Amino acid sequence: MSERDEAAAAKTAAAKTAAEKVAAEKAARAARIDQAFNRAVPYNAWLGLETVDVGEKGAGRLVLRLPFREELVGNPETGVLHGGVITAAMDATSGGSVFLALAEPLRIATLDLRIDYLRPAEAGRDVLCSAHCYRVSRQVAFTRGVAHHGDPGEPIAHAVGTFMIFRDAPSRMADALKSGRAGEGEP
């Protein structure tokens, strides 16, 4: 093998190692969100929210899956999910995107959440909720999101949210996210 080939092989191996490290960090962030947010919040756990993607570190992007279940149906004649369930899933996804955008986990609360329903969710299908925290000020974070069946270009609903950030208040959920102890004991 020539020096050139050896250098190319070393570069490829280094890139693979770096990519594996990024993937492992992303998986760890997804697991923390899944434990501290999807499982530790009783309503989110009841909804059955599942983490699909956490985006790049610090990007404030989150995708959660709301699995279809009969007990979430709002209209038994059509099998369409209740709008409140989609609102709750979008609230959770938007809040999770704020956690991912913050430099350190802090306690947050929803100040305002606006949902524009564009069409009903299709009966029997999971809903994907994606959100992006696009701005964080000292006390308020701003999010945009969309609920869809797999194609964000065909939305079920759009969401816009604002979240209060409590910088001086302790939070068990934030502590769990920070330490990786999420899901142990109380949220």
C-alpha atoms as a PDB file:
ATOM      1  CA  MET A   1       0.000   0.000   0.000  1.00  0.00           C
ATOM      2  CA  SER A   2       1.411   3.403  -0.946  1.00  0.00           C
ATOM      3  CA  GLU A   3       1.794   6.298   1.482  1.00  0.00           C
ATOM      4  CA  ARG A   4      -1.021   8.035  -0.332  1.00  0.00           C
ATOM      5  CA  ASP A   5      -3.330   5.037   0.108  1.00  0.00           C
ATOM      6  CA  GLU A   6      -2.353   4.736   3.777  1.00  0.00           C
ATOM      7  CA  ALA A   7      -3.085   8.436   4.345  1.00  0.00           C
ATOM      8  CA  ALA A   8      -6.462   8.093   2.626  1.00  0.00           C
ATOM      9  CA  ALA A   9      -7.280   5.016   4.728  1.00  0.00           C
ATOM     10  CA  ALA A  10      -6.291   6.840   7.933  1.00  0.00           C
ATOM     11  CA  LYS A  11      -8.425   9.833   6.946  1.00  0.00           C
ATOM     12  CA  THR A  12     -11.392   7.555   6.214  1.00  0.00           C
ATOM     13  CA  ALA A  13     -10.962   5.770   9.560  1.00  0.00           C
ATOM     14  CA  ALA A  14     -10.786   9.106  11.421  1.00  0.00           C
ATOM     15  CA  ALA A  15     -13.930  10.351   9.674  1.00  0.00           C
ATOM     16  CA  LYS A  16     -15.725   7.112  10.522  1.00  0.00           C
ATOM     17  CA  THR A  17     -14.659   7.406  14.176  1.00  0.00           C
ATOM     18  CA  ALA A  18     -15.853  11.045  14.311  1.00  0.00           C
ATOM     19  CA  ALA A  19     -19.183  10.102  12.718  1.00  0.00           C
ATOM     20  CA  GLU A  20     -19.614   7.239  15.188  1.00  0.00           C
ATOM     21  CA  LYS A  21     -18.906   9.627  18.082  1.00  0.00           C
ATOM     22  CA  VAL A  22     -21.512  12.129  16.816  1.00  0.00           C
ATOM     23  CA  ALA A  23     -24.037   9.312  16.358  1.00  0.00           C
ATOM     24  CA  ALA A  24     -23.371   8.027  19.889  1.00  0.00           C
ATOM     25  CA  GLU A  25     -23.795  11.525  21.375  1.00  0.00           C
ATOM     26  CA  LYS A  26     -27.043  11.975  19.428  1.00  0.00           C
ATOM     27  CA  ALA A  27     -28.330   8.600  20.653  1.00  0.00           C
ATOM     28  CA  ALA A  28     -27.473   9.554  24.243  1.00  0.00           C
ATOM     29  CA  ARG A  29     -29.373  12.870  23.910  1.00  0.00           C
ATOM     30  CA  ALA A  30     -32.348  11.018  22.426  1.00  0.00           C
ATOM     31  CA  ALA A  31     -32.318   8.537  25.314  1.00  0.00           C
ATOM     32  CA  ARG A  32     -32.209  11.372  27.872  1.00  0.00           C
ATOM     33  CA  ILE A  33     -35.161  13.143  26.210  1.00  0.00           C
ATOM     34  CA  ASP A  34     -37.031   9.849  25.990  1.00  0.00           C
ATOM     35  CA  GLN A  35     -36.500   9.103  29.686  1.00  0.00           C
ATOM     36  CA  ALA A  36     -36.793  12.577  31.223  1.00  0.00           C
ATOM     37  CA  PHE A  37     -39.481  13.988  28.990  1.00  0.00           C
ATOM     38  CA  ASN A  38     -41.481  11.239  27.317  1.00  0.00           C
ATOM     39  CA  ARG A  39     -41.547   8.813  30.249  1.00  0.00           C
ATOM     40  CA  ALA A  40     -41.201  11.004  33.360  1.00  0.00           C
ATOM     41  CA  VAL A  41     -44.086  13.317  32.416  1.00  0.00           C
ATOM     42  CA  PRO A  42     -47.140  11.134  33.133  1.00  0.00           C
ATOM     43  CA  TYR A  43     -49.316  12.554  30.342  1.00  0.00           C
ATOM     44  CA  ASN A  44     -46.522  12.195  27.772  1.00  0.00           C
ATOM     45  CA  ALA A  45     -46.009   8.611  28.951  1.00  0.00           C
ATOM     46  CA  TRP A  46     -49.743   7.901  28.633  1.00  0.00           C
ATOM     47  CA  LEU A  47     -49.728   9.326  25.104  1.00  0.00           C
ATOM     48  CA  GLY A  48     -46.887   6.913  24.316  1.00  0.00           C
ATOM     49  CA  LEU A  49     -44.629   9.562  22.773  1.00  0.00           C
ATOM     50  CA  GLU A  50     -41.437   8.158  21.245  1.00  0.00           C
ATOM     51  CA  THR A  51     -38.268  10.061  20.342  1.00  0.00           C
ATOM     52  CA  VAL A  52     -37.482   9.835  16.624  1.00  0.00           C
ATOM     53  CA  ASP A  53     -34.745  12.471  16.173  1.00  0.00           C
ATOM     54  CA  VAL A  54     -33.003  15.077  18.339  1.00  0.00           C
ATOM     55  CA  GLY A  55     -31.151  16.966  15.608  1.00  0.00           C
ATOM     56  CA  GLU A  56     -27.619  18.240  16.008  1.00  0.00           C
ATOM     57  CA  LYS A  57     -26.368  19.300  19.439  1.00  0.00           C
ATOM     58  CA  GLY A  58     -27.682  22.743  20.379  1.00  0.00           C
ATOM     59  CA  ALA A  59     -29.879  23.008  17.279  1.00  0.00           C
ATOM     60  CA  GLY A  60     -33.132  22.893  19.235  1.00  0.00           C
ATOM     61  CA  ARG A  61     -34.796  20.396  16.912  1.00  0.00           C
ATOM     62  CA  LEU A  62     -36.911  17.457  18.021  1.00  0.00           C
ATOM     63  CA  VAL A  63     -39.142  14.899  16.314  1.00  0.00           C
ATOM     64  CA  LEU A  64     -41.504  12.747  18.383  1.00  0.00           C
ATOM     65  CA  ARG A  65     -43.872  10.002  17.253  1.00  0.00           C
ATOM     66  CA  LEU A  66     -47.423   9.786  18.580  1.00  0.00           C
ATOM     67  CA  PRO A  67     -48.398   6.150  17.983  1.00  0.00           C
ATOM     68  CA  PHE A  68     -52.016   5.648  16.946  1.00  0.00           C
ATOM     69  CA  ARG A  69     -54.177   4.050  19.635  1.00  0.00           C
ATOM     70  CA  GLU A  70     -57.954   3.616  19.707  1.00  0.00           C
ATOM     71  CA  GLU A  71     -58.255   5.407  23.079  1.00  0.00           C
ATOM     72  CA  LEU A  72     -56.864   8.579  21.443  1.00  0.00           C
ATOM     73  CA  VAL A  73     -59.652   8.742  18.857  1.00  0.00           C
ATOM     74  CA  GLY A  74     -61.917  11.791  19.037  1.00  0.00           C
ATOM     75  CA  ASN A  75     -64.515  10.650  16.505  1.00  0.00           C
ATOM     76  CA  PRO A  76     -65.418   6.950  16.716  1.00  0.00           C
ATOM     77  CA  GLU A  77     -67.258   7.108  13.382  1.00  0.00           C
ATOM     78  CA  THR A  78     -64.156   8.155  11.447  1.00  0.00           C
ATOM     79  CA  GLY A  79     -61.361   6.939  13.741  1.00  0.00           C
ATOM     80  CA  VAL A  80     -59.688  10.367  13.601  1.00  0.00           C
ATOM     81  CA  LEU A  81     -57.453  11.318  16.528  1.00  0.00           C
ATOM     82  CA  HIS A  82     -58.789  13.907  18.964  1.00  0.00           C
ATOM     83  CA  GLY A  83     -57.386  17.376  18.241  1.00  0.00           C
ATOM     84  CA  GLY A  84     -56.432  17.798  21.894  1.00  0.00           C
ATOM     85  CA  VAL A  85     -54.129  14.798  21.646  1.00  0.00           C
ATOM     86  CA  ILE A  86     -52.304  16.374  18.713  1.00  0.00           C
ATOM     87  CA  THR A  87     -52.097  19.656  20.649  1.00  0.00           C
ATOM     88  CA  ALA A  88     -50.596  17.847  23.649  1.00  0.00           C
ATOM     89  CA  ALA A  89     -48.060  16.069  21.433  1.00  0.00           C
ATOM     90  CA  MET A  90     -47.080  19.354  19.769  1.00  0.00           C
ATOM     91  CA  ASP A  91     -46.734  21.019  23.191  1.00  0.00           C
ATOM     92  CA  ALA A  92     -44.436  18.212  24.342  1.00  0.00           C
ATOM     93  CA  THR A  93     -42.386  18.316  21.139  1.00  0.00           C
ATOM     94  CA  SER A  94     -42.059  22.095  21.259  1.00  0.00           C
ATOM     95  CA  GLY A  95     -41.040  22.020  24.925  1.00  0.00           C
ATOM     96  CA  GLY A  96     -38.514  19.300  24.192  1.00  0.00           C
ATOM     97  CA  SER A  97     -37.019  21.400  21.402  1.00  0.00           C
ATOM     98  CA  VAL A  98     -36.497  24.190  23.960  1.00  0.00           C
ATOM     99  CA  PHE A  99     -34.637  21.775  26.266  1.00  0.00           C
ATOM    100  CA  LEU A 100     -32.413  20.814  23.343  1.00  0.00           C
ATOM    101  CA  ALA A 101     -31.717  24.466  22.447  1.00  0.00           C
ATOM    102  CA  LEU A 102     -30.661  25.518  25.947  1.00  0.00           C
ATOM    103  CA  ALA A 103     -26.992  25.405  26.895  1.00  0.00           C
ATOM    104  CA  GLU A 104     -28.013  23.688  30.139  1.00  0.00           C
ATOM    105  CA  PRO A 105     -31.288  22.014  31.140  1.00  0.00           C
ATOM    106  CA  LEU A 106     -33.577  24.483  32.911  1.00  0.00           C
ATOM    107  CA  ARG A 107     -37.201  24.427  34.022  1.00  0.00           C
ATOM    108  CA  ILE A 108     -39.637  25.717  31.391  1.00  0.00           C
ATOM    109  CA  ALA A 109     -43.378  26.274  31.128  1.00  0.00           C
ATOM    110  CA  THR A 110     -45.642  26.820  28.145  1.00  0.00           C
ATOM    111  CA  LEU A 111     -46.728  30.471  27.951  1.00  0.00           C
ATOM    112  CA  ASP A 112     -48.651  30.249  24.693  1.00  0.00           C
ATOM    113  CA  LEU A 113     -49.287  27.553  22.128  1.00  0.00           C
ATOM    114  CA  ARG A 114     -51.192  28.210  18.939  1.00  0.00           C
ATOM    115  CA  ILE A 115     -52.275  25.294  16.773  1.00  0.00           C
ATOM    116  CA  ASP A 116     -53.635  25.715  13.253  1.00  0.00           C
ATOM    117  CA  TYR A 117     -55.367  22.515  12.160  1.00  0.00           C
ATOM    118  CA  LEU A 118     -55.097  22.070   8.406  1.00  0.00           C
ATOM    119  CA  ARG A 119     -56.642  18.630   7.954  1.00  0.00           C
ATOM    120  CA  PRO A 120     -57.653  15.670  10.115  1.00  0.00           C
ATOM    121  CA  ALA A 121     -55.127  13.016  11.033  1.00  0.00           C
ATOM    122  CA  GLU A 122     -55.759   9.823   9.094  1.00  0.00           C
ATOM    123  CA  ALA A 123     -57.351   7.003  11.060  1.00  0.00           C
ATOM    124  CA  GLY A 124     -54.970   4.256  12.107  1.00  0.00           C
ATOM    125  CA  ARG A 125     -51.779   6.201  11.338  1.00  0.00           C
ATOM    126  CA  ASP A 126     -49.065   7.442  13.682  1.00  0.00           C
ATOM    127  CA  VAL A 127     -48.445  11.184  13.801  1.00  0.00           C
ATOM    128  CA  LEU A 128     -44.953  12.665  13.685  1.00  0.00           C
ATOM    129  CA  CYS A 129     -44.489  15.956  15.503  1.00  0.00           C
ATOM    130  CA  SER A 130     -41.435  18.035  14.725  1.00  0.00           C
ATOM    131  CA  ALA A 131     -40.463  21.290  16.394  1.00  0.00           C
ATOM    132  CA  HIS A 132     -37.638  23.787  16.211  1.00  0.00           C
ATOM    133  CA  CYS A 133     -36.710  26.242  18.942  1.00  0.00           C
ATOM    134  CA  TYR A 134     -35.557  29.078  16.719  1.00  0.00           C
ATOM    135  CA  ARG A 135     -34.878  31.765  19.338  1.00  0.00           C
ATOM    136  CA  VAL A 136     -33.950  31.799  23.018  1.00  0.00           C
ATOM    137  CA  SER A 137     -33.891  35.045  24.988  1.00  0.00           C
ATOM    138  CA  ARG A 138     -33.058  35.344  28.679  1.00  0.00           C
ATOM    139  CA  GLN A 139     -36.573  34.407  29.820  1.00  0.00           C
ATOM    140  CA  VAL A 140     -38.525  33.239  26.764  1.00  0.00           C
ATOM    141  CA  ALA A 141     -37.987  30.648  24.030  1.00  0.00           C
ATOM    142  CA  PHE A 142     -39.837  30.611  20.703  1.00  0.00           C
ATOM    143  CA  THR A 143     -40.779  27.496  18.720  1.00  0.00           C
ATOM    144  CA  ARG A 144     -42.376  26.435  15.444  1.00  0.00           C
ATOM    145  CA  GLY A 145     -43.650  22.976  14.719  1.00  0.00           C
ATOM    146  CA  VAL A 146     -45.639  20.748  12.427  1.00  0.00           C
ATOM    147  CA  ALA A 147     -47.632  17.537  12.879  1.00  0.00           C
ATOM    148  CA  HIS A 148     -47.741  15.179   9.908  1.00  0.00           C
ATOM    149  CA  HIS A 149     -47.875  11.530   8.834  1.00  0.00           C
ATOM    150  CA  GLY A 150     -44.326  11.426   7.481  1.00  0.00           C
ATOM    151  CA  ASP A 151     -44.274  14.285   4.995  1.00  0.00           C
ATOM    152  CA  PRO A 152     -43.932  17.740   6.607  1.00  0.00           C
ATOM    153  CA  GLY A 153     -45.101  19.159   3.268  1.00  0.00           C
ATOM    154  CA  GLU A 154     -48.528  17.630   3.965  1.00  0.00           C
ATOM    155  CA  PRO A 155     -49.178  18.917   7.491  1.00  0.00           C
ATOM    156  CA  ILE A 156     -52.006  17.969   9.796  1.00  0.00           C
ATOM    157  CA  ALA A 157     -51.314  21.040  11.914  1.00  0.00           C
ATOM    158  CA  HIS A 158     -48.847  23.866  12.441  1.00  0.00           C
ATOM    159  CA  ALA A 159     -47.830  25.036  15.912  1.00  0.00           C
ATOM    160  CA  VAL A 160     -46.206  28.193  17.230  1.00  0.00           C
ATOM    161  CA  GLY A 161     -45.196  28.304  20.886  1.00  0.00           C
ATOM    162  CA  THR A 162     -43.567  30.487  23.496  1.00  0.00           C
ATOM    163  CA  PHE A 163     -42.031  29.037  26.631  1.00  0.00           C
ATOM    164  CA  MET A 164     -40.974  30.712  29.884  1.00  0.00           C
ATOM    165  CA  ILE A 165     -37.451  29.844  31.039  1.00  0.00           C
ATOM    166  CA  PHE A 166     -36.882  29.711  34.798  1.00  0.00           C
ATOM    167  CA  ARG A 167     -33.158  30.285  35.217  1.00  0.00           C
ATOM    168  CA  ASP A 168     -33.163  30.503  39.026  1.00  0.00           C
ATOM    169  CA  ALA A 169     -35.645  27.762  39.895  1.00  0.00           C
ATOM    170  CA  PRO A 170     -34.549  24.174  40.510  1.00  0.00           C
ATOM    171  CA  SER A 171     -36.046  21.488  38.312  1.00  0.00           C
ATOM    172  CA  ARG A 172     -35.942  17.752  38.954  1.00  0.00           C
ATOM    173  CA  MET A 173     -36.507  17.059  35.257  1.00  0.00           C
ATOM    174  CA  ALA A 174     -33.687  19.416  34.258  1.00  0.00           C
ATOM    175  CA  ASP A 175     -31.416  17.823  36.860  1.00  0.00           C
ATOM    176  CA  ALA A 176     -32.275  14.389  35.470  1.00  0.00           C
ATOM    177  CA  LEU A 177     -31.508  15.530  31.921  1.00  0.00           C
ATOM    178  CA  LYS A 178     -28.211  17.061  33.046  1.00  0.00           C
ATOM    179  CA  SER A 179     -27.033  14.045  35.015  1.00  0.00           C
ATOM    180  CA  GLY A 180     -28.365  11.335  32.738  1.00  0.00           C
ATOM    181  CA  ARG A 181     -30.414   9.954  35.659  1.00  0.00           C
ATOM    182  CA  ALA A 182     -33.663  10.583  33.842  1.00  0.00           C
ATOM    183  CA  GLY A 183     -36.402   8.155  34.643  1.00  0.00           C
ATOM    184  CA  GLU A 184     -34.973   7.199  38.041  1.00  0.00           C
ATOM    185  CA  GLY A 185     -37.423   7.958  40.821  1.00  0.00           C
ATOM    186  CA  GLU A 186     -39.682  10.971  40.514  1.00  0.00           C
ATOM    187  CA  PRO A 187     -39.514  13.283  37.476  1.00  0.00           C
END
